[in-house]
Protein backbone atom coordinates (compact mmCIF):
# COMPACT_ATOMS: atom_id res chain seq x y z
CA MET A 1 -0.01 -0.02 0.12
CA THR A 2 1.41 3.56 -1.00
CA VAL A 3 1.31 6.19 1.25
CA GLU A 4 1.12 9.87 0.03
CA PHE A 5 2.87 12.38 2.67
CA GLN A 6 1.96 15.81 2.19
CA LEU A 7 3.47 18.97 3.59
CA PRO A 8 2.00 19.66 7.34
CA ASP A 9 1.37 22.76 8.70
CA VAL A 10 4.35 22.51 11.31
CA GLY A 11 3.66 26.14 12.33
CA GLU A 12 0.72 28.47 13.22
CA GLY A 13 -0.93 29.38 9.87
CA LEU A 14 1.89 28.01 7.71
CA GLU A 15 1.02 28.33 4.16
CA GLU A 16 4.34 26.98 2.35
CA GLY A 17 7.83 25.77 2.93
CA GLU A 18 10.92 25.49 0.97
CA ILE A 19 12.72 22.11 0.19
CA VAL A 20 16.36 22.74 1.66
CA SER A 21 17.45 19.01 1.12
CA TRP A 22 16.05 15.47 0.78
CA LEU A 23 17.56 13.02 3.33
CA VAL A 24 16.50 10.01 1.84
CA ALA A 25 16.22 8.91 -2.13
CA PRO A 26 14.27 6.65 -4.42
CA GLY A 27 14.21 3.19 -3.26
CA ASP A 28 15.72 3.69 0.03
CA THR A 29 14.20 1.69 2.85
CA VAL A 30 13.28 4.03 5.73
CA SER A 31 11.87 3.36 9.23
CA ARG A 32 9.16 5.02 11.14
CA ASP A 33 10.05 8.58 12.36
CA GLN A 34 13.41 8.62 10.27
CA PRO A 35 14.01 12.15 9.01
CA LEU A 36 12.84 12.35 5.50
CA VAL A 37 13.59 15.88 4.34
CA GLU A 38 14.56 19.46 5.81
CA VAL A 39 12.12 21.90 5.08
CA GLN A 40 12.53 26.02 5.43
CA THR A 41 9.47 27.57 6.92
CA ASP A 42 9.13 31.20 7.68
CA LYS A 43 10.06 30.30 11.15
CA ALA A 44 12.51 27.74 11.31
CA LEU A 45 14.41 24.79 9.90
CA VAL A 46 12.73 21.72 10.16
CA GLU A 47 12.80 17.87 9.51
CA LEU A 48 9.70 16.02 8.88
CA PRO A 49 9.72 12.43 9.81
CA SER A 50 8.30 9.25 7.78
CA PRO A 51 4.84 8.31 8.93
CA VAL A 52 5.69 4.89 8.15
CA ALA A 53 8.33 2.14 7.97
CA GLY A 54 8.50 1.21 4.45
CA GLN A 55 10.39 2.02 1.05
CA VAL A 56 10.73 5.44 -0.93
CA VAL A 57 8.80 5.30 -3.96
CA SER A 58 9.26 8.82 -5.23
CA LEU A 59 10.04 12.38 -4.47
CA ALA A 60 7.67 14.78 -5.70
CA PHE A 61 9.51 17.92 -5.34
CA GLY A 62 13.51 18.97 -5.42
CA ALA A 63 15.65 20.94 -3.30
CA GLY A 64 14.72 24.66 -3.62
CA ASP A 65 11.19 23.96 -4.64
CA ILE A 66 8.51 25.85 -2.91
CA VAL A 67 5.64 23.61 -1.42
CA LYS A 68 2.31 24.54 -0.42
CA VAL A 69 0.74 23.10 2.79
CA GLY A 70 -1.06 20.17 1.94
CA GLN A 71 1.04 19.18 -1.36
CA VAL A 72 2.38 15.55 -1.74
CA LEU A 73 6.13 15.88 -0.77
CA ILE A 74 6.86 11.81 -1.06
CA VAL A 75 5.55 8.62 -1.96
CA LEU A 76 6.26 5.61 0.55
CA GLU A 77 5.54 1.97 0.19
CA ASP A 78 4.00 1.10 3.60
CA GLY A 79 4.84 -2.13 5.39
CA LEU A 80 8.50 -3.05 5.02
CA ALA A 81 10.80 -3.44 7.52
CA GLY A 82 12.61 -0.69 9.23
CA GLY A 83 16.35 0.65 8.62
CA THR A 84 18.31 2.27 6.35
CA VAL A 85 20.07 1.09 3.05
CA GLY A 86 23.82 0.76 3.08
CA GLU A 87 26.08 3.78 1.96
CA ALA A 88 26.88 2.30 -1.29
CA GLY A 89 23.34 1.68 -1.99
CA ASP A 90 22.61 5.28 -1.09
CA GLU A 91 25.53 6.28 -3.23
CA ARG A 92 23.91 4.56 -6.24
CA LEU A 93 20.50 5.91 -5.88
CA ALA A 94 21.71 9.54 -5.17
CA ALA A 95 23.62 9.21 -8.42
CA ALA A 96 20.31 7.97 -10.12
CA GLU A 97 18.52 10.74 -8.85
CA VAL A 98 21.11 13.36 -10.34
CA GLU A 99 20.75 11.45 -13.91
CA THR A 100 16.69 11.15 -13.97
CA GLY A 101 15.42 13.78 -11.69
CA PRO A 102 12.83 12.55 -9.23
CA PRO A 103 9.31 11.91 -10.18
CA ARG A 104 6.42 14.83 -10.39
CA ARG A 105 8.98 17.19 -10.26
CA GLN A 106 7.69 20.92 -10.33
CA PRO A 107 9.39 23.47 -13.13
CA PRO A 108 13.05 23.78 -12.16
CA ALA A 109 14.16 26.43 -9.63
CA PRO A 110 16.08 29.48 -10.51
CA SER A 111 19.09 27.64 -9.34
CA GLU A 112 18.92 25.19 -12.28
CA ALA A 113 18.16 27.67 -14.70
CA PRO A 114 21.12 27.68 -17.78
CA GLY A 115 23.82 29.86 -16.66
CA SER A 116 23.19 29.95 -12.97
CA VAL A 117 25.63 29.14 -10.27
CA PRO A 118 24.58 26.48 -7.60
CA TYR A 119 23.35 27.98 -4.41
CA THR A 120 25.90 26.96 -1.35
CA SER A 121 23.86 28.13 1.49
CA GLY A 122 25.73 31.43 1.99
CA GLY A 123 29.18 30.92 0.88
CA ALA A 124 31.20 29.29 -1.97
CA LEU A 125 32.95 26.11 -1.32
CA PRO A 126 36.79 25.73 -1.41
CA PRO A 127 38.39 24.06 -4.79
CA GLN A 128 39.19 21.03 -2.35
CA THR A 129 35.52 20.53 -1.75
CA PRO A 130 33.84 18.04 -3.61
CA PRO A 131 30.78 19.47 -5.70
CA LEU A 132 27.06 18.99 -4.05
CA SER A 133 24.49 16.78 -6.06
CA PRO A 134 20.91 18.60 -6.24
CA SER A 135 19.86 16.36 -3.42
CA GLY A 136 22.31 17.99 -0.90
CA GLY A 137 24.82 15.21 -0.90
CA SER A 138 28.31 14.84 -2.40
CA ASN A 139 28.91 13.86 -5.83
CA PRO A 140 29.64 10.06 -5.84
CA ALA A 141 32.51 10.11 -8.35
CA ALA A 142 34.07 13.32 -6.67
CA SER A 143 33.70 12.06 -3.08
CA ALA A 144 35.11 8.58 -3.61
CA GLY A 145 38.41 9.59 -1.79
CA THR A 146 36.56 11.02 1.22
CA SER A 147 35.65 7.72 3.34
CA GLY A 148 36.20 4.16 2.22
CA ALA A 149 32.24 3.73 3.27
CA GLY A 150 31.01 6.23 0.89
CA ARG A 151 29.89 10.11 1.31
CA PRO A 152 29.31 10.99 5.02
CA LYS A 153 25.37 11.46 6.18
CA ALA A 154 24.89 15.09 7.09
CA SER A 155 22.62 17.93 6.14
CA PRO A 156 23.93 20.78 4.20
CA ALA A 157 23.51 22.77 7.46
CA VAL A 158 25.93 20.54 9.17
CA ARG A 159 28.36 20.38 6.14
CA LYS A 160 28.48 24.48 6.46
CA LEU A 161 29.14 23.88 10.04
CA ALA A 162 31.90 21.48 9.58
CA LEU A 163 33.35 23.75 6.79
CA ASP A 164 33.40 26.74 9.36
CA ARG A 165 34.95 24.65 12.00
CA GLY A 166 37.45 22.96 9.53
CA VAL A 167 36.02 19.38 10.34
CA ASP A 168 36.77 16.83 7.72
CA LEU A 169 33.31 14.97 7.96
CA ALA A 170 34.88 11.49 6.80
CA THR A 171 36.57 11.54 10.14
CA VAL A 172 33.51 11.91 12.18
CA ALA A 173 31.52 9.19 13.66
CA GLY A 174 27.71 10.38 13.38
CA THR A 175 25.40 9.88 16.36
CA GLY A 176 22.07 10.25 14.65
CA PRO A 177 19.63 7.77 12.84
CA GLY A 178 21.72 5.55 10.54
CA GLY A 179 24.86 7.04 11.51
CA ARG A 180 24.00 10.66 10.32
CA ILE A 181 26.56 13.09 11.67
CA LEU A 182 24.68 15.79 13.55
CA ALA A 183 25.76 19.29 14.49
CA SER A 184 26.66 18.18 17.85
CA ASP A 185 28.95 15.90 16.48
CA VAL A 186 30.59 18.34 14.22
CA GLU A 187 31.31 20.48 17.28
CA ALA A 188 32.61 17.74 19.38
CA ALA A 189 35.19 17.21 16.75
CA ALA A 190 36.01 20.87 16.11
CA ALA A 191 39.23 22.12 17.86
CA PRO A 192 38.60 24.08 20.72
CA THR A 193 38.01 27.95 19.87
CA PRO A 194 38.04 31.05 21.99
CA PRO A 195 35.38 31.56 24.11
CA THR A 196 32.52 33.57 22.61
CA GLY A 197 31.89 35.68 25.58
CA VAL A 198 32.54 39.50 26.16
CA HIS A 199 36.23 41.01 25.91
CA GLU A 200 36.86 44.53 26.82
CA GLY A 201 38.36 46.13 23.65
CA ARG A 202 36.14 43.92 21.20
CA SER A 203 32.58 43.05 20.72
CA THR A 204 30.52 43.17 24.05
CA ALA A 205 27.06 42.67 22.50
CA LEU A 206 25.59 39.19 22.37
CA PRO A 207 27.94 36.42 20.82
CA ASN A 208 27.01 35.21 17.27
CA ALA A 209 28.25 32.38 14.82
CA GLY A 210 30.39 35.18 12.94
CA SER A 211 33.03 35.69 15.47
CA THR A 212 34.35 31.86 15.91
CA GLY A 213 35.38 29.37 13.44
CA ALA A 214 37.97 28.44 11.07
CA VAL A 215 36.83 30.29 8.15
CA GLN A 216 37.05 33.99 8.53
CA PRO A 217 34.93 37.01 7.13
CA GLY A 218 35.52 37.89 3.52
CA MET A 219 37.26 34.67 2.90
CA ALA A 220 35.81 31.79 0.68
CA GLY A 221 33.06 29.98 2.60
CA GLY A 222 32.96 32.66 5.05
CA LEU A 223 30.68 35.26 6.02
CA GLY A 224 29.80 37.79 3.40
CA TRP A 225 31.16 35.20 0.76
CA MET A 226 29.06 34.33 -2.48
CA GLU A 227 30.32 33.41 -6.03
CA THR A 228 29.95 35.71 -8.89
CA GLY A 229 26.71 34.66 -10.96
CA ARG A 230 23.25 34.22 -10.12
CA HIS A 231 21.83 32.79 -6.97
CA PRO A 232 18.49 31.68 -6.14
CA LEU A 233 16.73 33.69 -3.09
CA ARG A 234 16.13 30.81 -0.72
CA GLY A 235 16.27 29.72 2.74
CA ILE A 236 16.49 31.98 5.69
CA ARG A 237 17.59 34.82 3.21
CA ARG A 238 14.44 34.69 1.60
CA VAL A 239 12.45 34.37 4.78
CA THR A 240 14.36 37.79 5.97
CA ALA A 241 13.92 39.63 2.70
CA GLU A 242 10.19 39.27 2.98
CA ALA A 243 10.22 40.51 6.57
CA MET A 244 12.61 43.46 6.04
CA GLY A 245 10.85 44.49 2.91
CA ARG A 246 7.63 44.32 4.88
CA SER A 247 9.17 46.37 7.85
CA TRP A 248 10.69 48.84 5.54
CA SER A 249 7.51 49.59 3.59
CA GLU A 250 5.14 49.36 6.22
CA ILE A 251 6.75 50.81 9.27
CA PRO A 252 7.87 54.58 9.70
CA HIS A 253 11.06 53.81 11.57
CA LEU A 254 12.27 56.38 14.33
CA THR A 255 16.05 55.86 15.39
CA THR A 256 18.06 57.37 17.90
CA MET A 257 21.57 56.52 19.00
CA ASP A 258 24.27 57.56 21.54
CA GLU A 259 26.79 55.59 23.70
CA VAL A 260 27.41 54.90 27.26
CA ASP A 261 30.29 54.39 29.46
CA ALA A 262 30.56 50.77 30.12
CA THR A 263 33.19 50.99 32.90
CA GLY A 264 30.84 50.07 35.61
CA LEU A 265 29.08 47.31 33.39
CA LEU A 266 32.31 45.82 32.68
CA ALA A 267 33.55 45.99 36.69
CA ALA A 268 29.96 44.50 37.79
CA ARG A 269 30.75 41.53 35.29
CA ARG A 270 33.89 40.71 36.91
CA ARG A 271 32.61 41.27 40.11
CA LEU A 272 29.94 38.86 39.74
CA ALA A 273 32.12 36.53 38.34
CA ASP A 274 34.64 36.70 41.35
CA ALA A 275 31.46 36.22 43.40
CA GLY A 276 30.38 32.72 41.70
CA ILE A 277 27.65 34.20 39.77
CA ASP A 278 27.97 33.04 36.20
CA THR A 279 26.44 36.00 33.90
CA THR A 280 27.35 37.64 30.82
CA ILE A 281 27.17 41.00 29.17
CA GLY A 282 24.59 39.80 26.71
CA GLY A 283 22.58 38.72 29.91
CA LEU A 284 22.76 42.29 31.18
CA LEU A 285 21.92 43.72 28.35
CA VAL A 286 18.53 41.36 28.11
CA ALA A 287 18.20 42.20 31.54
CA ALA A 288 18.33 46.04 31.33
CA VAL A 289 16.17 46.08 28.36
CA ALA A 290 13.39 43.95 29.88
CA ARG A 291 13.21 46.45 32.71
CA GLY A 292 12.86 48.98 30.35
CA LEU A 293 10.00 47.36 28.83
CA ARG A 294 8.34 46.89 32.18
CA ARG A 295 8.66 50.70 32.65
CA PHE A 296 7.49 51.76 29.31
CA PRO A 297 5.12 49.27 28.21
CA VAL A 298 4.39 50.78 25.07
CA LEU A 299 7.47 49.46 23.57
CA ASN A 300 6.48 45.90 24.52
CA ALA A 301 3.34 46.03 22.15
CA SER A 302 2.39 45.29 18.39
CA LEU A 303 0.08 47.05 16.08
CA GLU A 304 -2.92 44.87 14.34
CA LEU A 305 -4.15 46.92 11.67
CA SER A 306 -6.82 45.46 9.12
CA SER A 307 -9.22 46.97 6.12
CA GLY A 308 -12.26 45.87 8.59
CA ASP A 309 -11.03 48.49 11.35
CA PRO A 310 -9.90 51.74 9.80
CA GLY A 311 -8.60 52.53 13.51
CA GLY A 312 -6.61 49.11 14.40
CA VAL A 313 -5.89 47.87 17.72
CA ILE A 314 -2.63 48.56 20.02
CA VAL A 315 -2.07 44.99 21.84
CA ILE A 316 0.03 45.82 24.96
CA HIS A 317 1.59 42.31 25.92
CA PRO A 318 1.61 41.00 29.48
CA GLU A 319 5.06 39.22 29.08
CA CYS A 320 8.55 40.65 27.99
CA ASN A 321 9.35 37.85 25.07
CA ILE A 322 12.97 39.55 23.60
CA GLY A 323 14.18 38.03 20.53
CA LEU A 324 17.97 37.69 19.92
CA ALA A 325 19.25 38.27 16.56
CA VAL A 326 21.98 36.02 15.96
CA ALA A 327 24.09 35.82 12.82
CA THR A 328 24.32 32.17 11.25
CA ALA A 329 26.10 31.20 8.15
CA GLU A 330 22.92 31.07 6.22
CA GLY A 331 21.35 34.35 7.58
CA LEU A 332 19.77 35.74 10.86
CA VAL A 333 17.72 33.82 13.11
CA VAL A 334 15.90 35.50 16.10
CA PRO A 335 15.41 33.02 18.84
CA VAL A 336 12.97 34.43 22.12
CA ILE A 337 13.95 34.45 25.37
CA ARG A 338 10.64 34.09 27.31
CA GLN A 339 9.52 35.96 30.39
CA ALA A 340 13.26 37.99 30.15
CA ASP A 341 11.95 40.19 32.68
CA ARG A 342 11.05 37.42 35.36
CA ARG A 343 14.56 35.76 34.74
CA THR A 344 17.62 36.00 37.07
CA LEU A 345 20.85 36.94 35.78
CA GLN A 346 22.37 33.59 35.48
CA GLY A 347 19.15 32.53 34.16
CA LEU A 348 19.28 34.80 31.30
CA ALA A 349 22.98 34.02 31.00
CA ALA A 350 22.00 30.57 30.24
CA GLU A 351 19.35 31.07 28.12
CA VAL A 352 21.37 33.55 25.79
CA ARG A 353 24.16 30.75 25.64
CA ARG A 354 21.46 28.14 24.68
CA LEU A 355 19.61 29.66 22.14
CA THR A 356 22.45 31.56 20.63
CA GLU A 357 23.89 27.84 20.31
CA ALA A 358 20.70 26.50 18.95
CA ALA A 359 20.34 29.02 16.36
CA ARG A 360 23.86 28.44 15.10
CA ASN A 361 23.40 24.63 14.70
CA ARG A 362 19.72 25.29 13.06
CA ARG A 363 18.34 23.30 15.90
CA VAL A 364 15.88 26.09 17.21
CA GLU A 365 12.72 24.68 17.88
CA VAL A 366 9.92 26.52 16.01
CA GLY A 367 8.03 27.44 19.07
CA GLU A 368 11.18 29.45 20.21
CA LEU A 369 11.19 31.57 17.29
CA LYS A 370 7.68 32.71 17.80
CA GLY A 371 6.13 35.11 20.20
CA GLY A 372 8.56 37.86 20.40
CA THR A 373 7.47 41.31 21.82
CA PHE A 374 10.72 43.15 21.35
CA THR A 375 14.24 42.44 19.68
CA ILE A 376 17.89 42.78 20.78
CA SER A 377 20.48 43.26 17.77
CA ASN A 378 23.97 42.52 17.91
CA TYR A 379 25.40 44.46 15.15
CA GLY A 380 28.87 45.22 16.63
CA SER A 381 30.19 41.80 16.85
CA PHE A 382 32.63 42.62 14.29
CA GLY A 383 33.20 46.14 15.64
CA GLY A 384 30.27 48.41 14.75
CA ARG A 385 29.41 51.32 16.50
CA PHE A 386 26.08 52.82 15.24
CA ALA A 387 23.46 51.51 12.98
CA THR A 388 19.67 51.98 12.06
CA PRO A 389 18.54 48.26 12.90
CA LEU A 390 14.67 47.31 11.26
CA ILE A 391 12.00 46.41 13.19
CA ARG A 392 10.46 42.99 13.07
CA PRO A 393 6.68 43.06 12.65
CA PRO A 394 4.38 43.28 14.11
CA GLU A 395 6.82 44.60 17.04
CA VAL A 396 7.33 48.12 17.33
CA GLY A 397 10.66 48.53 18.80
CA ILE A 398 14.18 46.91 18.42
CA MET A 399 17.71 48.00 19.99
CA GLY A 400 21.11 47.27 18.92
CA PHE A 401 24.25 47.37 20.84
CA GLY A 402 27.53 47.92 18.81
CA ALA A 403 31.56 46.97 20.21
CA ILE A 404 32.69 48.27 23.54
CA ARG A 405 35.97 49.94 22.82
CA PRO A 406 38.01 52.70 24.55
CA ARG A 407 37.10 55.99 23.24
CA PRO A 408 37.28 59.50 24.15
CA PHE A 409 34.42 60.08 26.64
CA VAL A 410 34.02 63.32 29.06
CA VAL A 411 34.28 62.40 32.79
CA ASP A 412 34.04 64.99 35.34
CA GLY A 413 34.65 67.88 32.84
CA GLU A 414 37.84 66.03 31.56
CA VAL A 415 38.19 64.12 28.16
CA LYS A 416 39.34 60.59 29.09
CA ALA A 417 39.29 57.18 27.58
CA ARG A 418 36.85 55.09 28.64
CA PRO A 419 35.34 51.94 27.21
CA THR A 420 32.00 52.88 25.86
CA LEU A 421 28.90 50.76 24.69
CA PRO A 422 27.11 52.16 21.52
CA TRP A 423 23.67 51.61 21.27
CA SER A 424 20.91 52.38 18.58
CA LEU A 425 16.95 51.99 19.03
CA SER A 426 14.60 52.10 16.48
CA ALA A 427 10.78 52.36 17.00
CA ASP A 428 7.45 52.34 14.86
CA HIS A 429 6.49 56.12 14.78
CA ARG A 430 2.84 55.27 14.47
CA LEU A 431 2.84 54.31 18.02
CA ILE A 432 5.99 55.77 19.93
CA ASP A 433 7.04 59.47 19.46
CA GLY A 434 10.37 60.61 20.01
CA ASP A 435 10.15 61.73 23.69
CA VAL A 436 8.89 57.96 24.69
CA ALA A 437 11.70 56.64 22.56
CA THR A 438 14.45 58.78 24.31
CA ALA A 439 13.10 58.30 27.58
CA PHE A 440 13.21 54.71 27.25
CA ALA A 441 16.60 54.59 25.71
CA GLU A 442 17.75 56.72 28.45
CA TYR A 443 16.41 54.42 31.53
CA VAL A 444 18.10 51.27 29.90
CA THR A 445 21.55 52.73 29.28
CA GLY A 446 21.08 54.37 32.67
CA LEU A 447 20.76 50.83 34.11
CA LEU A 448 23.84 49.72 31.90
CA ALA A 449 26.15 52.43 33.26
CA ASP A 450 24.85 51.98 36.85
CA PRO A 451 24.64 48.19 37.13
CA VAL A 452 23.93 48.58 41.14
CA ALA A 453 20.61 50.34 40.08
CA LEU A 454 20.11 47.19 37.66
CA LEU A 455 20.83 44.97 40.26
CA ALA A 456 18.65 46.71 42.79
CA GLU A 457 15.68 46.46 40.00
CA LEU A 458 16.36 42.50 39.89
CA LEU A 459 15.95 41.99 43.56
CA GLY A 460 12.85 44.04 43.41
CA ALA A 461 14.26 47.14 45.21
CA GLY A 462 13.54 49.38 42.24
CA THR A 463 10.23 51.09 41.32
């Protein structure tokens, strides 16, 4: 009996998803709940498991295709024993798919148009890297020397992570289903890298994937690199483009910026560490912003506008759910710290670390990307000072932080070299006026300049 597996609604109100890569090929034997395909939605990268144990009959779409919810993704033959085929058979079937193409394939994606350059998830592969097949795996002929058992099993995101970390996948033992290599396996095999915490004189905002790894910015395969030619707008970049286009066209942005003396902030972090209290500058930033949202709830809001209501609705949210803009090789991912105003410093630091790492490894749950009420952006991880961050609809505010570095600063009427933290705040001018934006920013940065006041707020002593 054949089973037609349709694209489900893996998120609230999902309408479509993009096929990132197939993890199986026609002829493969699969077990129940074995991952079949990676799909990029407007929220996250998700793996869809097999509903039955059986054999893959056909794939209805190819990598890069946009699929509507309810459309058939894959046809399976039900009733076979679980398990997976051997690596050699996997290579043979992948090669067959390259030659013949999957059945019921939709019109070719832009990446397959004549003269186009294959898309490599945000970075060109160095010459020694085997070319990728349309199904996301290595070309069997090109990867013959990679491993005696055949190509390593890994998703494109994990392959990109291995490239960034300088890890040869052929040397990694996979702990996933059927020996599939996971992001955690790559991290375990990677050489130790400097901690991604805060360093005086460098970036002091939230850590992100761009500041570590073997491949440096501007180098082949690194941040900001793409080969010349035409590339399809796909994956996180497509989702980001749609969201930022909506933000720029719909929201009248009001932006204010300044910098604050970070001497006390850095000293407070050191004193807390000496006292055995585990925290980070990122955790302190989130704590200060959360307190600001409690004091000025109009920034912890969203606007609901519809043609049926000419006036619209202002929604003031009861919880401060702060999104963290984390840079990954494929683009920005914004996981959300829920109830940030109710967490301890240690709790905030732990959540910042956990969500940042999950975002880097593309392992953020769909639910962790929804429900944000305000966003913090780290545009200074490579030394940025000021910016004009764009608001994420339907939120009404976003605050960005630059790199802490020694700069001239007036102290007691004299110009001295002090570590300063630049900041930028963008607000929706339909709801937020300049006086409110300025008052919010002054309150937040006042807490950062005087961490004793911040700690008093966290302990409930502040008003």
